[in-house]
């Protein structure tokens, strides 16, 4: 079963069944062999004439679809409802199928592309599920993937898409010479737009990354890169660890032992007073709340 989308008089695009059509075409043009009843590999051209005719004369169930882009998108969802759930980019590829998508998939959806390994350091997901293509389109379109694909649907090249994607990738690797696992999946398109005009010293950036990675109090390693790009100003990106549980417990026990020896409160703020609190023992939670409140003030 194959579905075609009618885009003009006697002009069709594959809506569903691209792999089936491609495989059939490759087989009858002798691009690969299949095993016969004796287990021997046979290309189409070497098969007996009657077997060739049987294949060529076999009727296929084909549907021709016509409608708006939104209707086509809904049809494609329905067609594939019984299979693996489609992600958004796979749906968009079907809706905006044409020369642009074909070229784009050849570049970004080809798992044999030698650049995949490099891209994987910064882009999460797999080529087969269209994640690299989705990322490239997201970056160049500033998040408006559908609009961009609609505009370029009939383009016979993807020069702008490739150039922008590679520019962002090259910029990342020029600023951050050390590749860390936390770099994968960050909003590099947005970060490029916000910071690519700034001058960065790769050696200094590398030293700063190493310093922050070694800082026990930095909880969010993913935030390090945007923090550095932004001039080391937004500490919220690092999710600084102020009081972790082991530290609070150790300080509490030490402070309590000293207080019991001196017969004073284990709260340093209470101990300096002259009221009933001066000898009161507080829990670790009470102490933590009091200390944090004092810091915030």
Protein backbone atom coordinates (compact mmCIF):
# COMPACT_ATOMS: atom_id res chain seq x y z
CA UNK A 1 0.00 0.00 0.00
CA UNK A 2 1.41 3.36 -1.08
CA UNK A 3 0.00 6.87 -0.69
CA UNK A 4 0.73 9.68 -3.13
CA UNK A 5 -0.01 13.36 -2.69
CA UNK A 6 -1.15 15.00 -5.92
CA UNK A 7 0.65 18.32 -6.32
CA UNK A 8 -0.19 19.08 -9.95
CA UNK A 9 -1.48 17.60 -13.17
CA UNK A 10 0.19 14.20 -13.51
CA UNK A 11 2.61 15.20 -10.73
CA UNK A 12 2.75 13.28 -7.46
CA UNK A 13 4.85 13.14 -4.31
CA UNK A 14 5.14 10.15 -2.01
CA UNK A 15 3.11 10.74 1.13
CA UNK A 16 3.75 7.32 2.65
CA UNK A 17 5.75 4.41 1.25
CA UNK A 18 8.98 6.14 0.26
CA UNK A 19 11.11 3.18 1.33
CA UNK A 20 8.86 0.71 -0.50
CA UNK A 21 9.01 2.71 -3.73
CA UNK A 22 12.76 3.20 -3.45
CA UNK A 23 13.43 -0.48 -2.71
CA UNK A 24 11.31 -1.63 -5.63
CA UNK A 25 13.04 0.81 -7.98
CA UNK A 26 16.50 -0.20 -6.80
CA UNK A 27 15.71 -3.89 -7.20
CA UNK A 28 14.42 -3.75 -10.77
CA UNK A 29 17.46 -1.65 -11.75
CA UNK A 30 19.80 -4.33 -10.35
CA UNK A 31 21.04 -2.32 -7.37
CA UNK A 32 20.73 -5.31 -5.01
CA UNK A 33 19.91 -9.03 -5.10
CA UNK A 34 17.36 -11.21 -3.33
CA UNK A 35 17.52 -14.93 -2.62
CA UNK A 36 15.56 -17.27 -4.87
CA UNK A 37 13.76 -20.47 -3.83
CA UNK A 38 17.12 -22.27 -3.69
CA UNK A 39 18.68 -19.67 -1.43
CA UNK A 40 20.85 -18.25 -4.21
CA UNK A 41 21.16 -14.46 -4.59
CA UNK A 42 19.62 -13.15 -7.80
CA UNK A 43 19.50 -9.67 -9.26
CA UNK A 44 16.41 -8.76 -11.25
CA UNK A 45 18.22 -8.76 -14.61
CA UNK A 46 19.33 -12.38 -14.19
CA UNK A 47 15.93 -13.74 -13.22
CA UNK A 48 13.86 -15.85 -15.60
CA UNK A 49 11.67 -13.77 -17.91
CA UNK A 50 8.43 -15.13 -16.48
CA UNK A 51 9.50 -14.15 -12.97
CA UNK A 52 10.47 -10.69 -14.13
CA UNK A 53 7.07 -10.26 -15.76
CA UNK A 54 5.30 -11.48 -12.64
CA UNK A 55 7.00 -8.75 -10.63
CA UNK A 56 6.49 -6.03 -13.23
CA UNK A 57 2.84 -6.90 -13.77
CA UNK A 58 1.93 -7.15 -10.09
CA UNK A 59 -0.70 -4.55 -9.20
CA UNK A 60 -0.06 -2.30 -6.24
CA UNK A 61 -2.67 -0.69 -4.02
CA UNK A 62 -2.06 3.04 -4.39
CA UNK A 63 -4.05 5.95 -3.00
CA UNK A 64 -3.93 9.44 -4.50
CA UNK A 65 -4.55 12.18 -1.96
CA UNK A 66 -5.49 15.80 -2.57
CA UNK A 67 -6.02 18.51 0.02
CA UNK A 68 -4.53 21.31 2.05
CA UNK A 69 -1.26 20.93 3.94
CA UNK A 70 -3.10 20.58 7.26
CA UNK A 71 -5.32 17.85 5.78
CA UNK A 72 -2.30 16.01 4.40
CA UNK A 73 -0.67 16.18 7.84
CA UNK A 74 -3.74 14.61 9.45
CA UNK A 75 -3.89 11.89 6.78
CA UNK A 76 -0.27 11.04 7.37
CA UNK A 77 -0.92 10.72 11.12
CA UNK A 78 -3.85 8.39 10.43
CA UNK A 79 -1.89 6.29 7.93
CA UNK A 80 0.88 5.67 10.45
CA UNK A 81 -1.25 5.31 13.57
CA UNK A 82 -0.57 1.58 13.85
CA UNK A 83 3.21 1.88 13.59
CA UNK A 84 5.91 3.64 15.57
CA UNK A 85 4.58 7.06 16.67
CA UNK A 86 5.87 9.75 14.33
CA UNK A 87 7.67 12.75 15.70
CA UNK A 88 6.90 16.27 14.54
CA UNK A 89 9.74 16.49 12.01
CA UNK A 90 8.70 13.24 10.33
CA UNK A 91 5.21 14.67 9.91
CA UNK A 92 6.58 17.92 8.50
CA UNK A 93 8.73 15.99 6.03
CA UNK A 94 5.57 14.35 4.71
CA UNK A 95 3.55 17.56 4.56
CA UNK A 96 6.28 19.54 2.78
CA UNK A 97 7.69 16.69 0.70
CA UNK A 98 9.51 17.80 -2.41
CA UNK A 99 13.01 18.47 -3.73
CA UNK A 100 14.03 20.51 -0.68
CA UNK A 101 13.11 17.78 1.82
CA UNK A 102 14.74 15.15 -0.38
CA UNK A 103 18.03 17.07 -0.46
CA UNK A 104 17.84 17.91 3.24
CA UNK A 105 17.29 14.27 4.19
CA UNK A 106 20.22 13.19 2.04
CA UNK A 107 22.44 15.45 4.14
CA UNK A 108 20.98 15.37 7.65
CA UNK A 109 19.07 12.07 7.79
CA UNK A 110 21.86 9.91 6.41
CA UNK A 111 23.36 7.87 9.25
CA UNK A 112 26.40 7.19 7.02
CA UNK A 113 27.27 10.88 6.81
CA UNK A 114 30.83 11.27 8.10
CA UNK A 115 29.84 14.47 9.94
CA UNK A 116 27.34 12.72 12.21
CA UNK A 117 29.97 11.99 14.86
CA UNK A 118 30.97 15.65 15.07
CA UNK A 119 27.38 16.85 15.12
CA UNK A 120 26.47 14.38 17.86
CA UNK A 121 28.65 16.30 20.31
CA UNK A 122 26.18 19.19 20.16
CA UNK A 123 22.91 17.76 18.80
CA UNK A 124 20.98 15.02 20.60
CA UNK A 125 18.98 12.31 18.86
CA UNK A 126 19.47 10.15 15.79
CA UNK A 127 19.64 10.86 12.08
CA UNK A 128 17.08 8.14 11.35
CA UNK A 129 14.45 9.92 13.44
CA UNK A 130 15.21 13.25 11.72
CA UNK A 131 16.73 14.92 14.80
CA UNK A 132 19.70 16.47 12.99
CA UNK A 133 17.45 17.77 10.23
CA UNK A 134 15.03 19.16 12.79
CA UNK A 135 17.87 20.90 14.62
CA UNK A 136 19.30 22.40 11.42
CA UNK A 137 15.87 23.69 10.40
CA UNK A 138 15.18 25.03 13.89
CA UNK A 139 18.43 26.99 13.91
CA UNK A 140 18.11 28.53 10.46
CA UNK A 141 14.39 29.32 10.86
CA UNK A 142 14.73 30.69 14.42
CA UNK A 143 12.16 28.15 15.55
CA UNK A 144 9.68 28.54 12.67
CA UNK A 145 10.36 25.19 10.99
CA UNK A 146 7.00 24.75 9.27
CA UNK A 147 7.09 28.24 7.74
CA UNK A 148 10.64 27.73 6.52
CA UNK A 149 9.88 24.36 4.94
CA UNK A 150 6.78 25.74 3.24
CA UNK A 151 8.76 28.67 1.81
CA UNK A 152 11.60 26.50 0.50
CA UNK A 153 9.57 23.43 -0.46
CA UNK A 154 10.35 23.68 -4.17
CA UNK A 155 14.02 24.64 -3.75
CA UNK A 156 16.40 22.29 -5.49
CA UNK A 157 19.28 23.01 -3.11
CA UNK A 158 19.79 23.34 0.64
CA UNK A 159 22.75 25.72 0.52
CA UNK A 160 21.38 28.17 3.10
CA UNK A 161 20.41 25.37 5.49
CA UNK A 162 23.81 23.66 5.29
CA UNK A 163 25.77 26.90 5.55
CA UNK A 164 23.95 28.13 8.64
CA UNK A 165 24.11 24.77 10.42
CA UNK A 166 27.83 24.36 9.74
CA UNK A 167 28.48 27.96 10.77
CA UNK A 168 26.90 27.34 14.18
CA UNK A 169 28.75 24.04 14.63
CA UNK A 170 32.09 25.63 13.70
CA UNK A 171 31.42 28.56 16.05
CA UNK A 172 30.76 26.22 18.98
CA UNK A 173 33.95 24.24 18.41
CA UNK A 174 36.01 27.42 17.98
CA UNK A 175 34.84 28.90 21.30
CA UNK A 176 34.78 25.67 23.34
CA UNK A 177 37.78 23.59 22.35
CA UNK A 178 36.98 20.90 24.93
CA UNK A 179 33.94 18.75 24.17
CA UNK A 180 31.86 17.84 27.21
CA UNK A 181 28.84 15.55 27.30
CA UNK A 182 26.72 18.35 28.80
CA UNK A 183 27.14 20.35 25.59
CA UNK A 184 24.84 17.97 23.73
CA UNK A 185 21.32 19.27 23.23
CA UNK A 186 21.86 22.86 24.37
CA UNK A 187 20.10 25.70 22.53
CA UNK A 188 23.11 26.39 20.37
CA UNK A 189 21.11 28.16 17.67
CA UNK A 190 19.86 30.74 20.17
CA UNK A 191 23.26 31.03 21.84
CA UNK A 192 24.92 31.61 18.47
CA UNK A 193 22.51 34.42 17.62
CA UNK A 194 23.05 36.06 21.01
CA UNK A 195 26.82 35.76 21.29
CA UNK A 196 28.54 35.05 17.95
CA UNK A 197 29.57 38.69 17.46
CA UNK A 198 31.59 38.67 20.70
CA UNK A 199 35.29 37.90 20.85
CA UNK A 200 36.33 34.89 22.92
CA UNK A 201 39.77 33.60 23.85
CA UNK A 202 39.50 29.80 23.49
CA UNK A 203 42.34 29.20 25.97
CA UNK A 204 40.71 31.38 28.64
CA UNK A 205 37.31 29.83 27.94
CA UNK A 206 38.79 26.35 28.33
CA UNK A 207 40.41 27.30 31.65
CA UNK A 208 37.12 28.73 32.89
CA UNK A 209 35.23 25.58 31.88
CA UNK A 210 37.76 23.41 33.73
CA UNK A 211 37.51 25.63 36.80
CA UNK A 212 33.72 25.47 36.90
CA UNK A 213 33.68 21.73 36.26
CA UNK A 214 35.93 21.30 39.27
CA UNK A 215 33.81 23.52 41.50
CA UNK A 216 31.88 21.36 43.95
CA UNK A 217 29.21 24.01 44.36
CA UNK A 218 28.25 24.14 40.66
CA UNK A 219 25.33 21.73 40.37
CA UNK A 220 24.19 22.38 36.78
CA UNK A 221 27.09 21.64 34.46
CA UNK A 222 24.92 22.29 31.38
CA UNK A 223 24.59 25.91 32.43
CA UNK A 224 28.35 26.50 32.39
CA UNK A 225 28.53 27.22 28.67
CA UNK A 226 25.80 29.85 28.53
CA UNK A 227 27.18 31.33 31.77
CA UNK A 228 30.60 31.84 30.16
CA UNK A 229 29.13 33.16 26.90
CA UNK A 230 27.13 35.69 28.90
CA UNK A 231 30.22 37.07 30.62
CA UNK A 232 30.02 35.06 33.86
CA UNK A 233 27.11 37.14 35.12
CA UNK A 234 24.03 34.94 35.46
CA UNK A 235 24.88 32.58 38.34
CA UNK A 236 21.36 31.11 38.25
CA UNK A 237 22.52 29.11 35.23
CA UNK A 238 24.93 27.22 37.48
CA UNK A 239 22.39 26.31 40.16
CA UNK A 240 24.96 26.95 42.89
CA UNK A 241 24.94 24.47 45.75
CA UNK A 242 24.75 26.48 49.00
CA UNK A 243 24.09 23.92 51.72
CA UNK A 244 24.12 20.25 50.80
CA UNK A 245 22.85 17.71 53.34
CA UNK A 246 26.20 16.12 54.33
CA UNK A 247 27.71 19.54 54.98
CA UNK A 248 24.73 20.71 57.02
CA UNK A 249 24.80 17.54 59.12
CA UNK A 250 28.56 17.71 59.75
CA UNK A 251 28.44 21.38 60.78
CA UNK A 252 25.39 20.77 62.97
CA UNK A 253 27.01 17.89 64.85
CA UNK A 254 30.27 19.80 65.36
CA UNK A 255 28.46 22.92 66.53
CA UNK A 256 26.23 20.91 68.87
CA UNK A 257 29.17 19.12 70.52
CA UNK A 258 30.92 22.42 71.15
CA UNK A 259 27.72 23.97 72.51
CA UNK A 260 27.12 21.09 74.92
CA UNK A 261 30.66 21.41 76.26
CA UNK A 262 30.15 25.14 76.89
CA UNK A 263 26.54 24.65 78.02
CA UNK A 264 25.32 27.11 75.41
CA UNK A 265 22.88 27.02 72.52
CA UNK A 266 24.13 25.35 69.37
CA UNK A 267 22.77 28.37 67.48
CA UNK A 268 25.51 30.98 67.29
CA UNK A 269 22.95 33.76 66.94
CA UNK A 270 21.07 32.67 70.07
CA UNK A 271 24.20 32.03 72.10
CA UNK A 272 25.17 35.71 72.12
CA UNK A 273 21.87 36.68 73.75
CA UNK A 274 20.87 36.76 77.40
CA UNK A 275 17.39 35.25 77.25
CA UNK A 276 16.04 31.71 77.37
CA UNK A 277 17.31 31.02 73.86
CA UNK A 278 20.94 31.24 74.98
CA UNK A 279 20.93 27.62 76.13
CA UNK A 280 18.34 26.23 73.73
CA UNK A 281 19.37 23.41 71.40
CA UNK A 282 18.03 23.72 67.85
CA UNK A 283 17.56 21.06 65.20
CA UNK A 284 19.58 20.97 61.99
CA UNK A 285 16.53 22.14 60.06
CA UNK A 286 15.98 25.11 62.36
CA UNK A 287 19.62 26.05 62.10
CA UNK A 288 19.62 25.78 58.31
CA UNK A 289 16.52 27.96 58.04
CA UNK A 290 17.99 30.56 60.39
CA UNK A 291 21.34 30.66 58.59
CA UNK A 292 19.74 30.92 55.15
CA UNK A 293 17.41 33.67 56.39
CA UNK A 294 20.37 35.59 57.77
CA UNK A 295 22.23 35.29 54.46
CA UNK A 296 19.23 36.47 52.46
CA UNK A 297 18.86 39.53 54.69
